Amino acid sequence: MPTVTFIYVMAAAVGTFVIAAVVVGREARRLDAVAPRSVYIPEEAVEFVAEYLPQDSQARLTPSDLEQLLTFHMRWLHSKGLQPANVVDRRQDITSTVVIGEDTVVGYLLGEADRDGIDIIDDVDVVNVVDAHLAYFTAIGAVGPKATTT
């Protein structure tokens, strides 16, 4: 009888292992298809961008101005389809390359800043803010690689 018991124990162990392997494999495949979660925290973004900016831009922009510029930048990204509304467990379904040109976003931010009454002393400040904001996106893993020019 001990041999039969041993066979049942071994069969149960093998069965448990197979079930666990199937479940883990299925979940790993599901999670591989889901885009990694990048969490954008506005306060953290403002702090990161403020520290990343050159000293001249830091001196000219108040934290309030900087926060407004980042908000405008996020609105611009949303209007271009780069900030989807539903991102929880979203599958990686981007099929086309999206290229962000600095000229268009800087022009948009300058227009929004002028409309909102933010006194930008130098256009270079806006370029620096966009560069720093994109660096923040890279730091949190929210953007892909830069496109190569041909």
N, C-alpha and C. Protein backbone atom coordinates (compact mmCIF):
# COMPACT_ATOMS: atom_id res chain seq x y z
N MET A 1 0.79 -1.20 0.00
CA MET A 1 0.00 0.00 0.00
C MET A 1 0.84 1.28 0.00
N PRO A 2 2.02 1.30 0.65
CA PRO A 2 2.80 2.54 0.63
C PRO A 2 3.17 2.96 -0.79
N THR A 3 3.34 2.03 -1.71
CA THR A 3 3.69 2.37 -3.08
C THR A 3 2.54 3.10 -3.76
N VAL A 4 1.32 2.65 -3.52
CA VAL A 4 0.15 3.30 -4.12
C VAL A 4 0.00 4.72 -3.57
N THR A 5 0.21 4.88 -2.27
CA THR A 5 0.14 6.20 -1.66
C THR A 5 1.20 7.12 -2.25
N PHE A 6 2.40 6.61 -2.43
CA PHE A 6 3.49 7.38 -3.02
C PHE A 6 3.12 7.82 -4.44
N ILE A 7 2.51 6.95 -5.20
CA ILE A 7 2.11 7.27 -6.57
C ILE A 7 1.05 8.36 -6.57
N TYR A 8 0.08 8.28 -5.64
CA TYR A 8 -0.96 9.32 -5.56
C TYR A 8 -0.36 10.67 -5.16
N VAL A 9 0.58 10.66 -4.21
CA VAL A 9 1.24 11.89 -3.77
C VAL A 9 2.03 12.51 -4.93
N MET A 10 2.75 11.66 -5.66
CA MET A 10 3.53 12.15 -6.80
C MET A 10 2.60 12.70 -7.89
N ALA A 11 1.51 12.02 -8.15
CA ALA A 11 0.55 12.48 -9.17
C ALA A 11 -0.07 13.81 -8.75
N ALA A 12 -0.38 13.94 -7.48
CA ALA A 12 -0.93 15.20 -6.97
C ALA A 12 0.09 16.32 -7.09
N ALA A 13 1.36 16.03 -6.77
CA ALA A 13 2.42 17.04 -6.87
C ALA A 13 2.61 17.47 -8.32
N VAL A 14 2.67 16.51 -9.23
CA VAL A 14 2.83 16.84 -10.65
C VAL A 14 1.63 17.62 -11.16
N GLY A 15 0.44 17.21 -10.77
CA GLY A 15 -0.78 17.92 -11.18
C GLY A 15 -0.80 19.35 -10.68
N THR A 16 -0.39 19.55 -9.42
CA THR A 16 -0.33 20.89 -8.85
C THR A 16 0.69 21.75 -9.60
N PHE A 17 1.84 21.16 -9.91
CA PHE A 17 2.87 21.89 -10.64
C PHE A 17 2.37 22.30 -12.02
N VAL A 18 1.69 21.40 -12.71
CA VAL A 18 1.19 21.70 -14.06
C VAL A 18 0.15 22.82 -14.00
N ILE A 19 -0.74 22.75 -13.05
CA ILE A 19 -1.76 23.80 -12.91
C ILE A 19 -1.09 25.15 -12.61
N ALA A 20 -0.14 25.15 -11.69
CA ALA A 20 0.55 26.39 -11.35
C ALA A 20 1.32 26.94 -12.56
N ALA A 21 1.99 26.09 -13.30
CA ALA A 21 2.76 26.53 -14.47
C ALA A 21 1.84 27.14 -15.52
N VAL A 22 0.68 26.53 -15.74
CA VAL A 22 -0.28 27.06 -16.72
C VAL A 22 -0.80 28.43 -16.29
N VAL A 23 -1.16 28.56 -15.02
CA VAL A 23 -1.69 29.83 -14.51
C VAL A 23 -0.63 30.93 -14.57
N VAL A 24 0.56 30.64 -14.12
CA VAL A 24 1.65 31.63 -14.15
C VAL A 24 1.98 32.01 -15.59
N GLY A 25 2.04 31.04 -16.48
CA GLY A 25 2.32 31.32 -17.89
C GLY A 25 1.25 32.19 -18.52
N ARG A 26 -0.01 31.89 -18.23
CA ARG A 26 -1.11 32.69 -18.78
C ARG A 26 -1.04 34.13 -18.28
N GLU A 27 -0.80 34.31 -16.99
CA GLU A 27 -0.72 35.66 -16.43
C GLU A 27 0.50 36.42 -16.96
N ALA A 28 1.60 35.74 -17.11
CA ALA A 28 2.80 36.38 -17.67
C ALA A 28 2.53 36.85 -19.09
N ARG A 29 1.84 36.05 -19.87
CA ARG A 29 1.51 36.44 -21.25
C ARG A 29 0.56 37.62 -21.25
N ARG A 30 -0.43 37.62 -20.37
CA ARG A 30 -1.38 38.73 -20.29
C ARG A 30 -0.69 40.02 -19.89
N LEU A 31 0.17 39.95 -18.89
CA LEU A 31 0.86 41.14 -18.42
C LEU A 31 1.87 41.65 -19.43
N ASP A 32 2.43 40.76 -20.24
CA ASP A 32 3.37 41.18 -21.27
C ASP A 32 2.66 42.01 -22.33
N ALA A 33 1.41 41.74 -22.57
CA ALA A 33 0.65 42.46 -23.59
C ALA A 33 0.13 43.80 -23.09
N VAL A 34 0.14 44.01 -21.78
CA VAL A 34 -0.38 45.24 -21.19
C VAL A 34 0.75 46.25 -21.08
N ALA A 35 0.46 47.48 -21.44
CA ALA A 35 1.45 48.55 -21.35
C ALA A 35 1.85 48.75 -19.89
N PRO A 36 3.14 49.00 -19.65
CA PRO A 36 3.55 49.25 -18.27
C PRO A 36 2.91 50.54 -17.75
N ARG A 37 2.62 50.55 -16.49
CA ARG A 37 1.97 51.72 -15.90
C ARG A 37 3.00 52.79 -15.57
N SER A 38 2.77 53.95 -16.12
CA SER A 38 3.58 55.12 -15.81
C SER A 38 2.66 56.10 -15.11
N VAL A 39 3.00 56.47 -13.92
CA VAL A 39 2.15 57.34 -13.13
C VAL A 39 2.69 58.76 -13.19
N TYR A 40 1.87 59.66 -13.70
CA TYR A 40 2.22 61.08 -13.79
C TYR A 40 1.68 61.77 -12.55
N ILE A 41 2.58 62.30 -11.74
CA ILE A 41 2.20 63.02 -10.53
C ILE A 41 2.53 64.49 -10.76
N PRO A 42 1.52 65.36 -10.85
CA PRO A 42 1.77 66.76 -11.21
C PRO A 42 2.79 67.47 -10.31
N GLU A 43 2.69 67.27 -9.00
CA GLU A 43 3.62 67.94 -8.09
C GLU A 43 5.06 67.46 -8.34
N GLU A 44 5.19 66.16 -8.57
CA GLU A 44 6.51 65.58 -8.86
C GLU A 44 7.04 66.10 -10.19
N ALA A 45 6.16 66.24 -11.16
CA ALA A 45 6.57 66.75 -12.47
C ALA A 45 7.07 68.18 -12.37
N VAL A 46 6.36 69.02 -11.63
CA VAL A 46 6.78 70.41 -11.46
C VAL A 46 8.14 70.46 -10.78
N GLU A 47 8.32 69.67 -9.74
CA GLU A 47 9.61 69.65 -9.02
C GLU A 47 10.73 69.15 -9.92
N PHE A 48 10.49 68.08 -10.67
CA PHE A 48 11.50 67.53 -11.57
C PHE A 48 11.88 68.55 -12.63
N VAL A 49 10.89 69.15 -13.27
CA VAL A 49 11.16 70.12 -14.34
C VAL A 49 11.88 71.34 -13.78
N ALA A 50 11.47 71.81 -12.62
CA ALA A 50 12.14 72.98 -12.01
C ALA A 50 13.61 72.70 -11.76
N GLU A 51 13.93 71.50 -11.30
CA GLU A 51 15.32 71.16 -11.05
C GLU A 51 16.10 70.93 -12.33
N TYR A 52 15.43 70.49 -13.38
CA TYR A 52 16.07 70.16 -14.65
C TYR A 52 16.36 71.40 -15.49
N LEU A 53 15.60 72.47 -15.26
CA LEU A 53 15.76 73.69 -16.05
C LEU A 53 17.11 74.35 -15.80
N PRO A 54 17.65 75.02 -16.84
CA PRO A 54 18.86 75.82 -16.63
C PRO A 54 18.57 76.96 -15.65
N GLN A 55 19.59 77.46 -15.01
CA GLN A 55 19.42 78.48 -13.97
C GLN A 55 18.73 79.73 -14.48
N ASP A 56 19.02 80.14 -15.72
CA ASP A 56 18.37 81.33 -16.26
C ASP A 56 16.85 81.15 -16.33
N SER A 57 16.42 80.00 -16.80
CA SER A 57 14.98 79.73 -16.88
C SER A 57 14.37 79.59 -15.49
N GLN A 58 15.11 78.97 -14.57
CA GLN A 58 14.62 78.84 -13.19
C GLN A 58 14.36 80.21 -12.58
N ALA A 59 15.23 81.16 -12.89
CA ALA A 59 15.11 82.50 -12.31
C ALA A 59 13.91 83.26 -12.87
N ARG A 60 13.56 82.98 -14.12
CA ARG A 60 12.48 83.74 -14.76
C ARG A 60 11.10 83.14 -14.55
N LEU A 61 11.00 81.85 -14.29
CA LEU A 61 9.69 81.19 -14.18
C LEU A 61 9.34 80.91 -12.72
N THR A 62 8.15 81.31 -12.33
CA THR A 62 7.68 80.98 -10.99
C THR A 62 7.14 79.56 -11.00
N PRO A 63 7.04 78.91 -9.84
CA PRO A 63 6.44 77.58 -9.80
C PRO A 63 5.02 77.55 -10.36
N SER A 64 4.26 78.62 -10.15
CA SER A 64 2.91 78.71 -10.69
C SER A 64 2.93 78.75 -12.22
N ASP A 65 3.84 79.57 -12.78
CA ASP A 65 3.98 79.63 -14.25
C ASP A 65 4.38 78.27 -14.80
N LEU A 66 5.30 77.63 -14.13
CA LEU A 66 5.78 76.33 -14.57
C LEU A 66 4.66 75.29 -14.55
N GLU A 67 3.86 75.30 -13.50
CA GLU A 67 2.74 74.37 -13.40
C GLU A 67 1.74 74.61 -14.53
N GLN A 68 1.47 75.87 -14.83
CA GLN A 68 0.55 76.19 -15.93
C GLN A 68 1.11 75.71 -17.27
N LEU A 69 2.40 75.92 -17.51
CA LEU A 69 3.00 75.47 -18.76
C LEU A 69 2.94 73.95 -18.90
N LEU A 70 3.15 73.24 -17.80
CA LEU A 70 3.06 71.78 -17.85
C LEU A 70 1.62 71.33 -18.11
N THR A 71 0.65 72.05 -17.54
CA THR A 71 -0.76 71.74 -17.79
C THR A 71 -1.09 71.97 -19.26
N PHE A 72 -0.60 73.07 -19.83
CA PHE A 72 -0.82 73.33 -21.26
C PHE A 72 -0.17 72.24 -22.11
N HIS A 73 1.01 71.82 -21.71
CA HIS A 73 1.70 70.77 -22.47
C HIS A 73 0.90 69.47 -22.42
N MET A 74 0.35 69.13 -21.27
CA MET A 74 -0.45 67.91 -21.15
C MET A 74 -1.72 68.02 -22.00
N ARG A 75 -2.33 69.21 -22.04
CA ARG A 75 -3.51 69.40 -22.89
C ARG A 75 -3.15 69.22 -24.37
N TRP A 76 -1.99 69.73 -24.76
CA TRP A 76 -1.54 69.59 -26.14
C TRP A 76 -1.32 68.11 -26.48
N LEU A 77 -0.69 67.38 -25.56
CA LEU A 77 -0.47 65.95 -25.78
C LEU A 77 -1.80 65.22 -25.92
N HIS A 78 -2.77 65.58 -25.09
CA HIS A 78 -4.09 64.95 -25.17
C HIS A 78 -4.76 65.25 -26.50
N SER A 79 -4.63 66.48 -26.97
CA SER A 79 -5.25 66.84 -28.25
C SER A 79 -4.62 66.09 -29.42
N LYS A 80 -3.37 65.65 -29.27
CA LYS A 80 -2.69 64.90 -30.31
C LYS A 80 -2.89 63.39 -30.16
N GLY A 81 -3.67 62.98 -29.17
CA GLY A 81 -3.94 61.56 -28.96
C GLY A 81 -2.84 60.85 -28.20
N LEU A 82 -1.97 61.59 -27.57
CA LEU A 82 -0.85 60.99 -26.85
C LEU A 82 -1.12 60.82 -25.36
N GLN A 83 -2.28 61.20 -24.93
CA GLN A 83 -2.66 61.04 -23.53
C GLN A 83 -4.06 60.43 -23.51
N PRO A 84 -4.15 59.11 -23.67
CA PRO A 84 -5.47 58.48 -23.76
C PRO A 84 -6.25 58.61 -22.46
N ALA A 85 -7.57 58.57 -22.61
CA ALA A 85 -8.44 58.71 -21.44
C ALA A 85 -8.45 57.46 -20.57
N ASN A 86 -8.38 56.27 -21.18
CA ASN A 86 -8.47 55.03 -20.43
C ASN A 86 -7.15 54.27 -20.56
N VAL A 87 -6.35 54.29 -19.51
CA VAL A 87 -5.03 53.67 -19.59
C VAL A 87 -4.82 52.51 -18.63
N VAL A 88 -5.81 52.14 -17.85
CA VAL A 88 -5.65 51.06 -16.89
C VAL A 88 -5.68 49.73 -17.63
N ASP A 89 -4.61 48.97 -17.49
CA ASP A 89 -4.46 47.67 -18.14
C ASP A 89 -4.78 47.73 -19.64
N ARG A 90 -4.29 48.77 -20.27
CA ARG A 90 -4.50 48.93 -21.71
C ARG A 90 -3.47 48.11 -22.46
N ARG A 91 -3.92 47.39 -23.49
CA ARG A 91 -3.00 46.59 -24.30
C ARG A 91 -2.11 47.53 -25.11
N GLN A 92 -0.92 47.07 -25.42
CA GLN A 92 0.00 47.84 -26.25
C GLN A 92 -0.47 47.75 -27.69
N ASP A 93 -1.31 48.69 -28.08
CA ASP A 93 -1.94 48.62 -29.38
C ASP A 93 -1.57 49.78 -30.31
N ILE A 94 -0.48 50.45 -30.03
CA ILE A 94 -0.06 51.55 -30.90
C ILE A 94 0.55 50.95 -32.15
N THR A 95 -0.03 51.29 -33.30
CA THR A 95 0.44 50.71 -34.56
C THR A 95 1.16 51.72 -35.43
N SER A 96 1.09 52.99 -35.11
CA SER A 96 1.76 53.99 -35.93
C SER A 96 2.77 54.76 -35.09
N THR A 97 3.77 55.28 -35.77
CA THR A 97 4.79 56.07 -35.10
C THR A 97 4.25 57.48 -34.87
N VAL A 98 4.42 57.99 -33.67
CA VAL A 98 3.98 59.34 -33.34
C VAL A 98 5.23 60.18 -33.10
N VAL A 99 5.34 61.26 -33.84
CA VAL A 99 6.50 62.13 -33.74
C VAL A 99 6.03 63.48 -33.21
N ILE A 100 6.72 63.96 -32.18
CA ILE A 100 6.40 65.26 -31.60
C ILE A 100 7.44 66.25 -32.10
N GLY A 101 6.99 67.26 -32.82
CA GLY A 101 7.89 68.32 -33.27
C GLY A 101 7.94 69.42 -32.24
N GLU A 102 9.13 69.85 -31.90
CA GLU A 102 9.27 70.87 -30.85
C GLU A 102 8.67 72.20 -31.26
N ASP A 103 8.71 72.54 -32.55
CA ASP A 103 8.21 73.83 -33.00
C ASP A 103 6.72 73.99 -32.72
N THR A 104 5.95 72.95 -33.00
CA THR A 104 4.51 73.07 -32.83
C THR A 104 4.11 73.16 -31.36
N VAL A 105 4.74 72.37 -30.52
CA VAL A 105 4.38 72.41 -29.10
C VAL A 105 4.83 73.72 -28.47
N VAL A 106 5.99 74.23 -28.85
CA VAL A 106 6.46 75.50 -28.29
C VAL A 106 5.54 76.63 -28.72
N GLY A 107 5.14 76.64 -30.00
CA GLY A 107 4.21 77.66 -30.48
C GLY A 107 2.89 77.60 -29.74
N TYR A 108 2.39 76.38 -29.52
CA TYR A 108 1.14 76.20 -28.78
C TYR A 108 1.28 76.73 -27.35
N LEU A 109 2.37 76.36 -26.68
CA LEU A 109 2.57 76.80 -25.29
C LEU A 109 2.70 78.31 -25.20
N LEU A 110 3.41 78.92 -26.16
CA LEU A 110 3.54 80.38 -26.15
C LEU A 110 2.17 81.04 -26.32
N GLY A 111 1.35 80.51 -27.22
CA GLY A 111 0.01 81.06 -27.42
C GLY A 111 -0.86 80.91 -26.18
N GLU A 112 -0.82 79.73 -25.56
CA GLU A 112 -1.61 79.50 -24.34
C GLU A 112 -1.11 80.37 -23.19
N ALA A 113 0.20 80.52 -23.07
CA ALA A 113 0.75 81.35 -22.00
C ALA A 113 0.34 82.81 -22.20
N ASP A 114 0.37 83.28 -23.43
CA ASP A 114 -0.05 84.65 -23.73
C ASP A 114 -1.53 84.83 -23.42
N ARG A 115 -2.35 83.85 -23.81
CA ARG A 115 -3.78 83.92 -23.56
C ARG A 115 -4.09 83.89 -22.07
N ASP A 116 -3.28 83.15 -21.28
CA ASP A 116 -3.52 83.02 -19.84
C ASP A 116 -2.86 84.12 -19.03
N GLY A 117 -2.09 84.98 -19.69
CA GLY A 117 -1.45 86.10 -19.00
C GLY A 117 -0.13 85.76 -18.33
N ILE A 118 0.49 84.64 -18.71
CA ILE A 118 1.81 84.31 -18.17
C ILE A 118 2.84 85.11 -18.96
N ASP A 119 3.62 85.89 -18.25
CA ASP A 119 4.62 86.75 -18.90
C ASP A 119 5.91 85.95 -19.08
N ILE A 120 6.09 85.41 -20.29
CA ILE A 120 7.30 84.67 -20.61
C ILE A 120 8.32 85.68 -21.12
N ILE A 121 9.41 85.81 -20.41
CA ILE A 121 10.43 86.77 -20.80
C ILE A 121 11.18 86.30 -22.04
N ASP A 122 11.44 85.00 -22.13
CA ASP A 122 12.25 84.48 -23.21
C ASP A 122 11.62 83.20 -23.76
N ASP A 123 11.55 83.09 -25.10
CA ASP A 123 11.00 81.88 -25.72
C ASP A 123 11.83 80.65 -25.40
N VAL A 124 13.08 80.86 -25.11
CA VAL A 124 13.98 79.75 -24.77
C VAL A 124 13.50 79.05 -23.50
N ASP A 125 12.85 79.82 -22.61
CA ASP A 125 12.31 79.21 -21.39
C ASP A 125 11.29 78.13 -21.72
N VAL A 126 10.45 78.39 -22.71
CA VAL A 126 9.43 77.42 -23.09
C VAL A 126 10.09 76.18 -23.69
N VAL A 127 11.11 76.38 -24.51
CA VAL A 127 11.84 75.24 -25.08
C VAL A 127 12.47 74.42 -23.96
N ASN A 128 13.04 75.10 -22.98
CA ASN A 128 13.65 74.39 -21.84
C ASN A 128 12.60 73.63 -21.03
N VAL A 129 11.42 74.21 -20.87
CA VAL A 129 10.35 73.54 -20.12
C VAL A 129 9.91 72.28 -20.87
N VAL A 130 9.74 72.38 -22.19
CA VAL A 130 9.34 71.21 -22.98
C VAL A 130 10.40 70.11 -22.88
N ASP A 131 11.67 70.48 -23.02
CA ASP A 131 12.75 69.49 -22.91
C ASP A 131 12.76 68.83 -21.54
N ALA A 132 12.58 69.62 -20.50
CA ALA A 132 12.59 69.08 -19.14
C ALA A 132 11.37 68.20 -18.90
N HIS A 133 10.22 68.59 -19.45
CA HIS A 133 9.00 67.80 -19.27
C HIS A 133 9.13 66.46 -19.99
N LEU A 134 9.71 66.47 -21.18
CA LEU A 134 9.95 65.22 -21.90
C LEU A 134 10.96 64.34 -21.16
N ALA A 135 11.93 64.98 -20.50
CA ALA A 135 12.88 64.21 -19.68
C ALA A 135 12.16 63.56 -18.50
N TYR A 136 11.18 64.25 -17.94
CA TYR A 136 10.38 63.66 -16.86
C TYR A 136 9.60 62.46 -17.37
N PHE A 137 9.00 62.59 -18.56
CA PHE A 137 8.28 61.46 -19.15
C PHE A 137 9.21 60.26 -19.34
N THR A 138 10.41 60.53 -19.80
CA THR A 138 11.39 59.46 -19.98
C THR A 138 11.74 58.83 -18.64
N ALA A 139 11.91 59.66 -17.62
CA ALA A 139 12.29 59.16 -16.29
C ALA A 139 11.23 58.25 -15.70
N ILE A 140 9.96 58.52 -15.98
CA ILE A 140 8.90 57.66 -15.43
C ILE A 140 8.51 56.55 -16.39
N GLY A 141 9.16 56.50 -17.55
CA GLY A 141 8.91 55.43 -18.51
C GLY A 141 7.66 55.62 -19.34
N ALA A 142 7.27 56.87 -19.59
CA ALA A 142 6.04 57.14 -20.30
C ALA A 142 6.21 57.40 -21.80
N VAL A 143 7.43 57.42 -22.29
CA VAL A 143 7.65 57.69 -23.71
C VAL A 143 8.58 56.66 -24.32
N GLY A 144 8.48 56.55 -25.61
CA GLY A 144 9.38 55.66 -26.34
C GLY A 144 10.62 56.41 -26.77
N PRO A 145 11.43 55.75 -27.59
CA PRO A 145 12.69 56.37 -28.02
C PRO A 145 12.45 57.52 -29.01
N LYS A 146 13.45 58.38 -29.13
CA LYS A 146 13.37 59.46 -30.10
C LYS A 146 13.48 58.90 -31.50
N ALA A 147 12.75 59.52 -32.41
CA ALA A 147 12.76 59.07 -33.80
C ALA A 147 14.09 59.48 -34.45
N THR A 148 14.56 58.66 -35.36
CA THR A 148 15.77 59.00 -36.10
C THR A 148 15.37 59.81 -37.32
N THR A 149 16.20 60.75 -37.68
CA THR A 149 15.91 61.59 -38.84
C THR A 149 16.59 60.99 -40.06
N THR A 150 15.89 61.03 -41.16
CA THR A 150 16.47 60.49 -42.38
C THR A 150 16.62 61.55 -43.43
